[in-house]
Protein backbone atom coordinates (compact mmCIF):
# COMPACT_ATOMS: atom_id res chain seq x y z
CA UNK A 1 0.14 0.02 0.08
CA UNK A 2 1.31 3.57 -1.37
CA UNK A 3 1.67 6.30 1.14
CA UNK A 4 -1.05 8.49 -1.63
CA UNK A 5 -3.19 5.85 0.21
CA UNK A 6 -3.09 6.95 3.19
CA UNK A 7 -3.05 10.38 2.28
CA UNK A 8 -6.39 10.01 -0.03
CA UNK A 9 -7.78 8.21 3.12
CA UNK A 10 -6.77 11.30 5.37
CA UNK A 11 -7.91 14.30 2.76
CA UNK A 12 -11.45 11.74 2.87
CA UNK A 13 -11.80 11.79 6.91
CA UNK A 14 -11.46 15.45 6.90
CA UNK A 15 -13.36 16.42 3.70
CA UNK A 16 -16.18 13.61 3.88
CA UNK A 17 -17.68 14.82 7.32
CA UNK A 18 -17.75 18.48 5.91
CA UNK A 19 -19.72 17.84 3.11
CA UNK A 20 -22.28 15.37 4.41
CA UNK A 21 -22.85 17.71 8.01
CA UNK A 22 -25.11 20.21 5.95
CA UNK A 23 -27.28 17.76 4.07
CA UNK A 24 -27.26 14.97 7.15
CA UNK A 25 -28.26 17.54 9.24
CA UNK A 26 -31.54 18.71 7.20
CA UNK A 27 -32.73 15.20 6.76
CA UNK A 28 -31.71 13.74 10.19
CA UNK A 29 -34.15 16.58 12.36
CA UNK A 30 -36.37 16.30 10.16
CA UNK A 31 -36.66 12.18 10.95
CA UNK A 32 -36.15 12.58 14.78
CA UNK A 33 -39.33 15.69 14.35
CA UNK A 34 -41.32 13.00 12.00
CA UNK A 35 -41.16 10.44 15.36
CA UNK A 36 -41.65 12.51 17.53
CA UNK A 37 -37.73 12.95 18.87
CA UNK A 38 -38.63 15.76 21.58
CA UNK A 39 -37.81 15.83 24.89
CA UNK A 40 -37.40 18.75 27.82
CA UNK A 41 -34.28 20.04 27.94
CA UNK A 42 -32.40 20.95 31.57
CA UNK A 43 -34.63 24.03 31.26
CA UNK A 44 -37.73 22.59 30.54
CA UNK A 45 -37.79 23.41 27.01
CA UNK A 46 -38.96 20.97 24.41
CA UNK A 47 -35.84 19.88 21.78
CA UNK A 48 -34.76 17.22 19.20
CA UNK A 49 -33.29 14.58 20.94
CA UNK A 50 -31.17 11.70 19.16
CA UNK A 51 -29.33 14.21 16.88
CA UNK A 52 -26.04 11.68 17.15
CA UNK A 53 -27.82 10.30 14.38
CA UNK A 54 -25.78 12.62 12.33
CA UNK A 55 -22.59 11.97 14.08
CA UNK A 56 -23.61 8.07 13.33
CA UNK A 57 -24.31 8.49 9.87
CA UNK A 58 -21.80 10.75 8.76
CA UNK A 59 -19.09 8.93 10.65
CA UNK A 60 -20.22 5.41 9.04
CA UNK A 61 -20.45 6.61 5.17
CA UNK A 62 -16.35 8.40 5.78
CA UNK A 63 -15.10 5.07 7.03
CA UNK A 64 -16.97 3.13 4.42
CA UNK A 65 -15.45 5.10 2.05
CA UNK A 66 -11.72 5.18 3.56
CA UNK A 67 -12.20 1.48 4.15
CA UNK A 68 -12.93 0.86 -0.06
CA UNK A 69 -9.70 3.08 -0.82
CA UNK A 70 -7.65 1.69 1.76
CA UNK A 71 -9.01 -1.91 0.22
CA UNK A 72 -8.35 -1.30 -3.88
CA UNK A 73 -5.25 -0.03 -2.51
CA UNK A 74 -4.19 -3.42 -1.20
CA UNK A 75 -4.26 -2.18 2.61
CA UNK A 76 -3.19 -4.73 5.07
CA UNK A 77 -6.20 -6.74 6.73
CA UNK A 78 -5.16 -5.74 10.48
CA UNK A 79 -5.82 -1.98 9.09
CA UNK A 80 -8.89 -2.41 6.90
CA UNK A 81 -10.19 -4.56 10.95
CA UNK A 82 -9.92 -1.68 13.00
CA UNK A 83 -11.59 1.04 10.27
CA UNK A 84 -14.37 -1.76 10.01
CA UNK A 85 -14.90 -2.62 14.24
CA UNK A 86 -14.99 0.74 14.99
CA UNK A 87 -18.42 1.60 12.41
CA UNK A 88 -19.52 -1.88 13.52
CA UNK A 89 -19.76 -0.98 16.94
CA UNK A 90 -20.55 2.72 17.54
CA UNK A 91 -23.34 1.92 15.45
CA UNK A 92 -24.45 -1.39 17.46
CA UNK A 93 -23.80 1.29 20.52
CA UNK A 94 -25.67 4.19 18.93
CA UNK A 95 -28.43 1.94 18.53
CA UNK A 96 -28.72 0.71 21.59
CA UNK A 97 -28.48 4.42 22.51
CA UNK A 98 -31.59 5.04 20.45
CA UNK A 99 -33.85 2.43 21.27
CA UNK A 100 -33.48 4.19 24.98
CA UNK A 101 -33.86 7.87 23.57
CA UNK A 102 -36.75 6.68 21.51
CA UNK A 103 -38.55 4.88 24.42
CA UNK A 104 -38.57 8.51 26.01
CA UNK A 105 -37.91 6.60 30.04
CA UNK A 106 -37.23 10.36 31.86
CA UNK A 107 -38.31 8.81 35.37
CA UNK A 108 -35.79 5.70 35.96
CA UNK A 109 -32.22 6.87 36.59
CA UNK A 110 -28.41 4.90 36.72
CA UNK A 111 -27.34 1.50 38.24
CA UNK A 112 -29.21 1.12 40.71
CA UNK A 113 -33.12 2.59 39.34
CA UNK A 114 -32.71 0.27 36.69
CA UNK A 115 -31.53 -2.66 39.02
CA UNK A 116 -33.84 -1.49 41.23
CA UNK A 117 -37.12 -1.47 38.60
CA UNK A 118 -36.06 -5.30 37.20
CA UNK A 119 -35.54 -6.44 41.15
CA UNK A 120 -39.47 -5.22 42.31
CA UNK A 121 -41.15 -5.21 38.84
CA UNK A 122 -39.64 -7.71 37.12
CA UNK A 123 -39.11 -5.32 34.31
CA UNK A 124 -36.85 -4.52 31.96
CA UNK A 125 -36.28 -0.71 31.42
CA UNK A 126 -35.19 1.21 28.35
CA UNK A 127 -32.07 1.73 30.53
CA UNK A 128 -31.52 -1.48 31.41
CA UNK A 129 -32.08 -3.35 27.56
CA UNK A 130 -29.19 -0.58 26.35
CA UNK A 131 -26.66 -1.44 28.85
CA UNK A 132 -27.38 -5.69 28.70
CA UNK A 133 -27.00 -4.57 24.58
CA UNK A 134 -24.16 -2.28 25.17
CA UNK A 135 -22.52 -5.31 27.11
CA UNK A 136 -22.72 -7.63 24.66
CA UNK A 137 -21.38 -5.02 22.10
CA UNK A 138 -18.28 -4.81 24.23
CA UNK A 139 -17.86 -8.58 24.37
CA UNK A 140 -17.93 -9.14 20.84
CA UNK A 141 -15.29 -6.22 20.11
CA UNK A 142 -13.34 -7.13 22.25
CA UNK A 143 -12.46 -11.09 21.03
CA UNK A 144 -11.23 -8.87 17.89
CA UNK A 145 -8.97 -6.74 19.69
CA UNK A 146 -7.33 -8.47 22.32
CA UNK A 147 -5.02 -11.65 22.88
CA UNK A 148 -4.84 -13.29 26.36
CA UNK A 149 -7.30 -13.05 29.31
CA UNK A 150 -6.07 -9.81 31.07
CA UNK A 151 -6.41 -7.69 27.85
CA UNK A 152 -9.37 -9.70 27.20
CA UNK A 153 -10.88 -7.98 30.69
CA UNK A 154 -9.61 -4.85 30.59
CA UNK A 155 -10.74 -4.03 26.59
CA UNK A 156 -14.46 -5.72 27.62
CA UNK A 157 -14.84 -3.29 30.58
CA UNK A 158 -13.55 0.17 28.69
CA UNK A 159 -15.83 -0.69 25.11
CA UNK A 160 -19.09 -1.20 28.45
CA UNK A 161 -18.24 1.49 30.31
CA UNK A 162 -17.29 4.25 28.31
CA UNK A 163 -20.52 4.74 26.33
CA UNK A 164 -22.02 5.45 29.87
CA UNK A 165 -18.70 8.18 30.67
CA UNK A 166 -19.85 10.20 28.11
CA UNK A 167 -23.90 9.43 29.67
CA UNK A 168 -23.19 10.84 32.83
CA UNK A 169 -21.89 14.07 31.15
CA UNK A 170 -24.81 14.67 28.83
CA UNK A 171 -26.82 16.77 30.94
CA UNK A 172 -25.79 20.00 29.65
CA UNK A 173 -25.96 21.35 26.38
CA UNK A 174 -22.19 20.59 24.53
CA UNK A 175 -20.96 19.34 28.13
CA UNK A 176 -20.62 15.21 26.26
CA UNK A 177 -18.46 16.98 23.53
CA UNK A 178 -16.29 18.31 25.57
CA UNK A 179 -15.56 15.67 27.72
CA UNK A 180 -14.77 13.38 24.44
CA UNK A 181 -12.48 16.21 23.57
CA UNK A 182 -10.59 16.17 26.83
CA UNK A 183 -10.50 12.16 26.75
CA UNK A 184 -9.53 12.11 23.26
CA UNK A 185 -6.48 14.87 24.36
CA UNK A 186 -5.53 12.39 26.76
CA UNK A 187 -5.69 9.30 24.16
CA UNK A 188 -3.00 11.36 22.62
CA UNK A 189 -0.67 12.63 24.74
CA UNK A 190 -0.58 8.06 26.45
CA UNK A 191 -0.53 7.47 22.38
CA UNK A 192 2.76 9.65 21.97
CA UNK A 193 4.09 8.64 24.76
CA UNK A 194 3.07 5.27 26.01
CA UNK A 195 3.19 3.63 22.75
CA UNK A 196 1.97 0.31 22.37
CA UNK A 197 4.70 -2.22 20.51
CA UNK A 198 3.40 -2.18 17.45
CA UNK A 199 3.58 1.28 16.53
CA UNK A 200 1.62 1.12 13.20
CA UNK A 201 -2.13 -0.24 14.87
CA UNK A 202 -2.42 3.65 16.60
CA UNK A 203 -1.60 4.97 13.22
CA UNK A 204 -4.47 2.50 12.01
CA UNK A 205 -6.91 3.78 15.02
CA UNK A 206 -6.20 7.30 14.39
CA UNK A 207 -7.07 7.34 10.88
CA UNK A 208 -10.74 5.91 11.68
CA UNK A 209 -11.15 8.65 14.28
CA UNK A 210 -10.29 11.27 12.39
CA UNK A 211 -13.79 11.46 11.04
CA UNK A 212 -15.73 11.51 14.23
CA UNK A 213 -13.15 13.96 15.88
CA UNK A 214 -14.28 16.28 12.70
CA UNK A 215 -17.55 15.36 13.03
CA UNK A 216 -18.21 16.05 16.57
CA UNK A 217 -16.54 19.69 16.33
CA UNK A 218 -19.52 20.24 13.35
CA UNK A 219 -22.22 19.18 15.70
CA UNK A 220 -20.59 20.80 18.66
CA UNK A 221 -22.11 24.45 17.60
CA UNK A 222 -25.86 22.54 17.02
CA UNK A 223 -25.53 20.93 20.45
CA UNK A 224 -24.28 23.74 22.09
CA UNK A 225 -26.30 25.81 20.70
CA UNK A 226 -29.42 24.24 22.77
CA UNK A 227 -31.28 23.36 18.84
CA UNK A 228 -31.21 19.28 19.46
CA UNK A 229 -29.76 17.20 21.86
CA UNK A 230 -26.71 14.33 21.32
CA UNK A 231 -28.86 12.03 22.59
CA UNK A 232 -28.04 8.86 24.14
CA UNK A 233 -27.88 7.87 20.26
CA UNK A 234 -24.57 10.18 20.32
CA UNK A 235 -23.50 9.72 23.55
CA UNK A 236 -23.09 6.03 23.08
CA UNK A 237 -20.95 6.20 19.66
CA UNK A 238 -18.50 8.44 21.53
CA UNK A 239 -18.43 7.24 24.30
CA UNK A 240 -17.65 3.43 22.33
CA UNK A 241 -14.87 5.84 20.14
CA UNK A 242 -13.08 6.61 23.63
CA UNK A 243 -13.40 3.42 24.72
CA UNK A 244 -11.73 1.42 21.37
CA UNK A 245 -9.51 4.28 21.25
CA UNK A 246 -8.00 3.58 24.88
CA UNK A 247 -8.19 -0.22 23.62
CA UNK A 248 -6.13 -0.07 20.68
CA UNK A 249 -4.01 2.83 21.64
CA UNK A 250 -2.47 2.60 25.25
CA UNK A 251 -0.64 -0.14 26.43
CA UNK A 252 -2.26 -3.03 29.17
CA UNK A 253 -1.02 -0.38 32.44
CA UNK A 254 -3.34 3.07 31.07
CA UNK A 255 -5.68 0.39 29.86
CA UNK A 256 -6.60 -0.87 33.68
CA UNK A 257 -5.81 3.35 34.96
CA UNK A 258 -8.49 4.92 32.49
CA UNK A 259 -10.93 1.76 33.18
CA UNK A 260 -10.47 2.09 36.94
CA UNK A 261 -11.15 6.28 36.97
CA UNK A 262 -14.23 5.59 34.98
CA UNK A 263 -15.66 3.13 37.40
CA UNK A 264 -14.64 5.39 39.67
CA UNK A 265 -17.12 8.14 38.37
CA UNK A 266 -19.60 5.73 37.22
CA UNK A 267 -19.97 4.60 41.21
CA UNK A 268 -19.37 8.94 41.88
CA UNK A 269 -22.55 9.46 39.71
CA UNK A 270 -24.69 7.30 41.86
CA UNK A 271 -24.06 9.67 44.57
CA UNK A 272 -23.22 12.80 43.43
CA UNK A 273 -24.21 15.37 40.63
CA UNK A 274 -21.30 16.10 38.83
CA UNK A 275 -24.05 19.26 37.50
CA UNK A 276 -23.80 20.92 41.22
CA UNK A 277 -20.55 20.40 41.42
CA UNK A 278 -19.50 21.98 38.17
CA UNK A 279 -21.94 24.87 38.72
CA UNK A 280 -20.03 24.92 42.25
CA UNK A 281 -16.50 25.87 40.91
CA UNK A 282 -16.05 29.20 39.04
CA UNK A 283 -13.94 28.18 36.19
CA UNK A 284 -15.80 24.80 35.69
CA UNK A 285 -18.91 26.14 35.02
CA UNK A 286 -17.16 28.60 32.98
CA UNK A 287 -16.00 25.60 30.80
CA UNK A 288 -18.93 24.06 30.64
CA UNK A 289 -21.05 27.74 29.65
CA UNK A 290 -18.35 28.14 26.64
CA UNK A 291 -19.88 27.40 23.26
CA UNK A 292 -23.42 27.84 24.54
């Protein structure tokens, strides 16, 4: 595979989301309105939700285009597999998030809430369905990106919990995307200073992650402006991208560190309101308000 094929795939990863953004936003907004995917935001205003559909569609089309170009250029099988796993995993997580968005359960919150409903009422909430479906997706994808029990366990844990971490922060306009960018920056630092043994693997992963990053930047003004909500559809999608990044570019030690941190955040969210904590810290509040 020549350098020109990589360069072309790189250009496609940047240009295609730019071309697709406006028509996809118009198309998806129409679909969401038609399906009455309208929910009250934190101010009680009625806003379209599941806007992450735009991110999923843009990323899927772009990565598929990259895969076609790289296949024609006889790219290594491992590189193509990363594109397929990332696009397929994001699409699957988006589907589980879409089901939750469509159900519109605004009452049952958190792991404790969903398990409590299951225990008391013998009823599976849409959120519980999302957790189960996301877990199965994580187990399936982790089988292809890890070798050995402990690496598989770490990969499975990161891929399963990272979508929910983004969900925890999707309570104010633009907040989840900012957290996504922050976690991606951490992944870049780890990728540069603690590179895995196979240096080519992170490069291949970043090539397919590029459309996700560009699409999130293009969607940010609409989310932060309160015109359309990311929803579980979008938060699940970006969260899976975070998990996949850490699993494929970070050494096992750093995977364990990030997984421990994510578990701590998840446990803390059951007892503490992150929104209140952010509002109490002036610099965090300013950062949270940025872009709105």
